[in-house]
Amino acid sequence: MIIKMEALSAVEKQNYLQHAIVPRPICFASTIDKEGNINLSPFSFFNMFSSQPPIVVFSPSRRVRDNTTKHTLQNVLEVPEVVINIVDYNMVQQVSLSSCEYPKGVNEFEKAGFTMEPSTTIKPPMVKESKIKMECRVNEVKPLGTEGGAGNLVIAEVLVMHIDDGILDAHQKIDQTKINHVARLGGDWYCKVDSTNLFKVEKPNTQLGIGVDALPDAIRNSTILTGNNLGQLANVHDMPDADPAFTDDTLKNIVQYFSINPDEMDKELHRYAKKLLDDGKVREAWQVLLADN
């Protein structure tokens, strides 16, 4: 299916985009107006865009149905400050409740059952229940349009971070396995990040990986190794050589059992290499694949 965005209504555009561009982190924004009225609302058009200076951006869009603006946008235009409270699984239902369109002047902290905690440098309060809070100064609000659905980029500089000691590791860094982040998908869908779905992808170092195009044809054109597997193999800095000292009982059994049938041996070696790669054992997988040469 090919869709030209110009042929869609605003509602249809929103539906396709919000289901496709996922998962989206949630900015749980607490703001205040010039009269002192506090507002608390979640936004999934949100991310980090700079670390020096530390800049985050979220977008309270104009409502699609009637082109009205949200209290959060009105507040940051009056008082250019915001606390961005990070959402975890333990608070997601209350966060969703706070997205109700209560009249101006209604405090969503009270409606959603959250506890207000004074900030240290800005006027809006923090959500005590959030494990990571960022006190921010709003540097700029950039409108992206005037029709319903148009975003308004709130460009905010992080002044102070508050981090719960319980999610830190032994080096006083945030332990990703302890947070249970949640993120927005399309419609009513969310996702939860926990130890059952976390995984690591080794970053390329300062030296360049050899690239998939440099892999031997038999590996690059494998019907067993996946694109992810090829990416792992191609992330080495130099083409590995067979190590005569490498020993592996499974490899030895494959070579002995399938030596009379080279095609089947190739397949078995690739299957075993795939298992090693799926377990993160890139060096061992290379040695298995090189045994085919």
Protein backbone atom coordinates (compact mmCIF):
# COMPACT_ATOMS: atom_id res chain seq x y z
CA MET A 1 0.00 0.00 0.00
CA ILE A 2 1.28 3.45 -0.92
CA ILE A 3 -0.32 6.44 0.76
CA LYS A 4 0.04 10.05 -0.33
CA MET A 5 -0.35 12.15 2.78
CA GLU A 6 -2.00 14.99 0.87
CA ALA A 7 -4.95 12.68 0.13
CA LEU A 8 -5.62 11.95 3.81
CA SER A 9 -7.67 13.81 6.37
CA ALA A 10 -5.92 15.12 9.49
CA VAL A 11 -7.40 12.26 11.53
CA GLU A 12 -6.13 9.66 9.04
CA LYS A 13 -2.66 11.18 8.97
CA GLN A 14 -2.54 11.12 12.74
CA ASN A 15 -3.65 7.48 12.84
CA TYR A 16 -1.07 6.19 10.37
CA LEU A 17 1.80 8.22 11.81
CA GLN A 18 1.10 7.37 15.45
CA HIS A 19 0.88 3.65 14.67
CA ALA A 20 4.03 3.68 12.53
CA ILE A 21 6.40 5.87 14.52
CA VAL A 22 6.70 3.86 17.71
CA PRO A 23 7.60 3.42 20.48
CA ARG A 24 7.55 7.03 21.59
CA PRO A 25 8.82 8.10 25.04
CA ILE A 26 6.35 9.99 27.18
CA CYS A 27 6.94 13.53 28.43
CA PHE A 28 4.80 13.93 31.55
CA ALA A 29 4.85 17.72 31.73
CA SER A 30 3.99 19.80 34.76
CA THR A 31 3.52 23.51 34.08
CA ILE A 32 2.06 26.58 35.70
CA ASP A 33 0.29 29.67 34.37
CA LYS A 34 0.81 33.29 35.46
CA GLU A 35 -2.11 32.99 37.88
CA GLY A 36 -0.49 30.01 39.62
CA ASN A 37 -2.77 27.30 38.17
CA ILE A 38 -0.90 24.01 37.83
CA ASN A 39 -1.33 21.63 34.90
CA LEU A 40 -0.07 18.07 34.41
CA SER A 41 -0.34 16.33 31.05
CA PRO A 42 1.43 13.59 29.02
CA PHE A 43 2.85 14.05 25.51
CA SER A 44 4.34 11.35 23.33
CA PHE A 45 5.81 13.69 20.74
CA PHE A 46 8.98 13.93 22.83
CA ASN A 47 12.68 13.21 22.74
CA MET A 48 16.23 14.33 23.53
CA PHE A 49 17.97 16.42 20.87
CA SER A 50 21.21 17.65 22.45
CA SER A 51 23.40 16.86 25.43
CA GLN A 52 25.58 19.99 25.38
CA PRO A 53 23.50 22.05 25.95
CA PRO A 54 21.06 19.47 27.37
CA ILE A 55 17.98 20.03 25.21
CA VAL A 56 14.73 18.08 25.10
CA VAL A 57 11.77 18.83 22.86
CA PHE A 58 8.10 17.93 23.18
CA SER A 59 5.10 19.01 21.17
CA PRO A 60 1.63 19.86 22.50
CA SER A 61 -0.18 19.72 19.17
CA ARG A 62 -3.30 21.67 18.31
CA ARG A 63 -6.32 19.39 18.70
CA VAL A 64 -7.30 17.78 15.41
CA ARG A 65 -11.05 17.91 16.01
CA ASP A 66 -11.45 21.62 16.81
CA ASN A 67 -8.01 23.24 16.44
CA THR A 68 -7.87 24.35 20.08
CA THR A 69 -4.63 24.48 22.06
CA LYS A 70 -3.77 22.64 25.25
CA HIS A 71 -3.26 24.19 28.66
CA THR A 72 0.37 23.04 28.69
CA LEU A 73 1.11 25.14 25.60
CA GLN A 74 -0.70 28.14 27.02
CA ASN A 75 1.20 27.78 30.31
CA VAL A 76 4.73 27.58 28.85
CA LEU A 77 3.99 30.67 26.77
CA GLU A 78 3.05 32.51 29.98
CA VAL A 79 5.64 30.95 32.30
CA PRO A 80 8.48 29.41 30.24
CA GLU A 81 9.30 26.58 32.62
CA VAL A 82 8.38 22.89 32.72
CA VAL A 83 9.15 19.78 34.70
CA ILE A 84 9.42 16.68 32.55
CA ASN A 85 8.60 13.66 34.66
CA ILE A 86 9.59 10.28 33.19
CA VAL A 87 6.82 7.67 33.14
CA ASP A 88 7.29 4.08 34.30
CA TYR A 89 4.91 1.13 34.36
CA ASN A 90 3.81 1.69 37.97
CA MET A 91 2.22 5.03 37.09
CA VAL A 92 0.96 4.54 33.53
CA GLN A 93 -2.76 4.25 34.35
CA GLN A 94 -2.68 7.46 36.40
CA VAL A 95 -0.76 9.19 33.62
CA SER A 96 -3.45 8.18 31.15
CA LEU A 97 -6.14 9.54 33.48
CA SER A 98 -4.36 12.88 33.63
CA SER A 99 -4.76 13.24 29.85
CA CYS A 100 -8.49 13.89 30.32
CA GLU A 101 -9.40 17.37 29.12
CA TYR A 102 -10.33 18.89 32.46
CA PRO A 103 -11.30 22.58 32.47
CA LYS A 104 -8.57 25.17 32.96
CA GLY A 105 -7.78 25.60 36.64
CA VAL A 106 -8.35 21.91 37.51
CA ASN A 107 -5.19 20.40 38.99
CA GLU A 108 -4.46 17.05 37.31
CA PHE A 109 -2.13 16.13 40.18
CA GLU A 110 -5.26 15.81 42.30
CA LYS A 111 -7.43 14.20 39.61
CA ALA A 112 -4.83 11.55 38.82
CA GLY A 113 -3.73 11.01 42.42
CA PHE A 114 -0.13 12.20 42.11
CA THR A 115 1.88 13.99 44.77
CA MET A 116 3.23 17.48 44.12
CA GLU A 117 6.87 17.96 45.08
CA PRO A 118 8.51 21.42 44.97
CA SER A 119 11.13 21.97 42.30
CA THR A 120 14.48 23.44 43.29
CA THR A 121 14.93 26.07 40.56
CA ILE A 122 11.61 26.61 38.75
CA LYS A 123 7.98 27.25 39.65
CA PRO A 124 6.11 24.12 38.37
CA PRO A 125 6.10 21.22 40.83
CA MET A 126 7.51 17.75 40.18
CA VAL A 127 5.65 14.44 40.31
CA LYS A 128 7.00 12.76 43.42
CA GLU A 129 6.10 9.29 42.13
CA SER A 130 8.27 9.67 39.01
CA LYS A 131 11.75 8.15 39.37
CA ILE A 132 13.36 10.69 37.03
CA LYS A 133 12.41 14.36 36.99
CA MET A 134 13.95 17.14 34.88
CA GLU A 135 13.54 20.79 35.76
CA CYS A 136 13.66 22.71 32.49
CA ARG A 137 13.73 26.25 31.19
CA VAL A 138 11.76 26.76 27.98
CA ASN A 139 14.10 28.40 25.48
CA GLU A 140 11.69 28.59 22.55
CA VAL A 141 8.24 27.53 21.39
CA LYS A 142 8.14 26.97 17.65
CA PRO A 143 4.70 26.59 15.99
CA LEU A 144 4.64 24.18 13.04
CA GLY A 145 1.31 25.29 11.64
CA THR A 146 -2.06 26.80 12.42
CA GLU A 147 -4.43 23.95 11.54
CA GLY A 148 -5.72 21.16 13.77
CA GLY A 149 -2.96 18.61 14.33
CA ALA A 150 -0.14 21.13 13.95
CA GLY A 151 2.63 20.69 16.49
CA ASN A 152 4.23 23.31 18.70
CA LEU A 153 7.83 22.43 19.50
CA VAL A 154 8.63 23.28 23.11
CA ILE A 155 12.43 23.46 23.16
CA ALA A 156 13.49 23.08 26.76
CA GLU A 157 16.89 23.11 28.43
CA VAL A 158 17.37 20.70 31.33
CA LEU A 159 18.67 22.57 34.38
CA VAL A 160 18.40 19.92 37.08
CA MET A 161 17.77 16.16 37.07
CA HIS A 162 16.36 14.27 40.05
CA ILE A 163 17.03 10.52 39.94
CA ASP A 164 15.74 7.93 42.40
CA ASP A 165 18.66 6.12 44.05
CA GLY A 166 16.81 2.84 43.55
CA ILE A 167 17.39 2.85 39.78
CA LEU A 168 21.13 3.52 39.98
CA ASP A 169 23.87 0.94 39.52
CA ALA A 170 27.09 0.58 41.50
CA HIS A 171 28.68 3.37 39.44
CA GLN A 172 25.85 5.83 40.15
CA LYS A 173 24.58 5.57 36.58
CA ILE A 174 20.99 4.77 35.59
CA ASP A 175 20.45 1.01 35.36
CA GLN A 176 18.16 0.44 32.38
CA THR A 177 16.87 -2.83 33.86
CA LYS A 178 15.48 -1.11 36.96
CA ILE A 179 13.24 1.56 35.45
CA ASN A 180 10.42 -0.28 33.60
CA HIS A 181 9.90 2.56 31.15
CA VAL A 182 6.68 2.66 29.17
CA ALA A 183 6.18 4.15 25.73
CA ARG A 184 3.26 5.09 23.51
CA LEU A 185 2.24 3.20 20.42
CA GLY A 186 -0.84 3.88 18.28
CA GLY A 187 -4.38 4.24 19.63
CA ASP A 188 -4.76 2.67 23.07
CA TRP A 189 -1.52 0.72 22.79
CA TYR A 190 1.54 1.10 25.03
CA CYS A 191 4.64 -1.00 25.53
CA LYS A 192 6.67 -1.78 28.65
CA VAL A 193 10.44 -2.06 28.81
CA ASP A 194 11.64 -4.69 31.27
CA SER A 195 14.26 -7.42 31.61
CA THR A 196 12.25 -9.80 29.39
CA ASN A 197 12.56 -7.59 26.30
CA LEU A 198 15.81 -5.67 26.86
CA PHE A 199 18.79 -6.55 24.70
CA LYS A 200 22.12 -5.00 23.83
CA VAL A 201 23.55 -4.19 20.42
CA GLU A 202 27.30 -3.67 20.43
CA LYS A 203 28.14 -0.22 19.11
CA PRO A 204 30.77 0.15 16.40
CA ASN A 205 33.99 1.38 17.98
CA THR A 206 36.15 4.20 16.67
CA GLN A 207 37.58 1.78 14.11
CA LEU A 208 35.28 1.07 11.19
CA GLY A 209 33.52 -2.25 10.79
CA ILE A 210 34.42 -4.12 7.60
CA GLY A 211 30.82 -3.89 6.35
CA VAL A 212 28.47 -6.50 4.92
CA ASP A 213 29.87 -5.92 1.44
CA ALA A 214 33.25 -7.22 2.63
CA LEU A 215 31.89 -10.54 3.90
CA PRO A 216 32.74 -13.66 1.88
CA ASP A 217 30.03 -14.53 -0.64
CA ALA A 218 29.14 -17.77 1.14
CA ILE A 219 28.38 -15.81 4.31
CA ARG A 220 26.77 -12.76 2.71
CA ASN A 221 24.44 -14.91 0.62
CA SER A 222 23.59 -17.38 3.39
CA THR A 223 19.99 -18.59 3.47
CA ILE A 224 20.28 -19.20 7.22
CA LEU A 225 22.03 -16.14 8.62
CA THR A 226 19.73 -13.13 9.04
CA GLY A 227 20.40 -9.48 8.29
CA ASN A 228 21.02 -8.95 12.00
CA ASN A 229 23.56 -11.80 11.99
CA LEU A 230 25.36 -10.30 9.00
CA GLY A 231 25.46 -6.96 10.78
CA GLN A 232 27.13 -8.62 13.77
CA LEU A 233 29.73 -10.35 11.63
CA ALA A 234 30.42 -7.19 9.64
CA ASN A 235 31.07 -5.11 12.76
CA VAL A 236 34.60 -6.50 13.19
CA HIS A 237 37.49 -4.19 12.31
CA ASP A 238 39.47 -6.72 10.26
CA MET A 239 38.55 -9.95 8.54
CA PRO A 240 39.27 -12.65 11.15
CA ASP A 241 41.64 -15.54 10.47
CA ALA A 242 41.00 -19.11 11.44
CA ASP A 243 42.48 -19.77 14.87
CA PRO A 244 44.13 -23.20 15.02
CA ALA A 245 43.77 -23.14 18.81
CA PHE A 246 40.00 -22.70 18.68
CA THR A 247 38.22 -25.80 19.96
CA ASP A 248 34.50 -26.48 20.11
CA ASP A 249 32.87 -29.88 20.55
CA THR A 250 29.81 -29.00 18.48
CA LEU A 251 31.99 -27.75 15.64
CA LYS A 252 34.07 -30.91 15.78
CA ASN A 253 30.95 -33.09 15.62
CA ILE A 254 29.54 -31.17 12.64
CA VAL A 255 32.77 -31.50 10.66
CA GLN A 256 33.10 -35.21 11.44
CA TYR A 257 29.46 -36.13 10.79
CA PHE A 258 28.88 -34.06 7.64
CA SER A 259 32.35 -34.23 6.04
CA ILE A 260 31.07 -36.52 3.28
CA ASN A 261 28.34 -34.03 2.35
CA PRO A 262 29.85 -30.53 2.01
CA ASP A 263 26.54 -28.80 1.24
CA GLU A 264 24.89 -30.16 4.38
CA MET A 265 27.98 -29.33 6.41
CA ASP A 266 27.79 -25.72 5.20
CA LYS A 267 24.18 -25.49 6.36
CA GLU A 268 24.95 -27.02 9.75
CA LEU A 269 27.89 -24.67 10.26
CA HIS A 270 25.69 -21.68 9.42
CA ARG A 271 22.96 -22.92 11.77
CA TYR A 272 25.46 -23.28 14.59
CA ALA A 273 27.03 -19.90 13.80
CA LYS A 274 23.56 -18.33 13.89
CA LYS A 275 22.95 -19.80 17.35
CA LEU A 276 26.26 -18.37 18.56
CA LEU A 277 25.46 -14.97 17.07
CA ASP A 278 22.02 -14.95 18.66
CA ASP A 279 23.84 -15.54 21.96
CA GLY A 280 26.18 -12.63 21.23
CA LYS A 281 29.24 -14.80 20.62
CA VAL A 282 30.61 -13.12 17.50
CA ARG A 283 34.22 -14.31 17.77
CA GLU A 284 33.13 -17.94 18.16
CA ALA A 285 30.67 -17.62 15.26
CA TRP A 286 33.44 -16.37 13.00
CA GLN A 287 35.61 -19.35 13.88
CA VAL A 288 32.76 -21.74 13.06
CA LEU A 289 32.17 -20.07 9.70
CA LEU A 290 35.88 -20.06 8.89
CA ALA A 291 36.00 -23.82 9.50
CA ASP A 292 34.14 -24.11 6.21
CA ASN A 293 37.11 -22.74 4.25
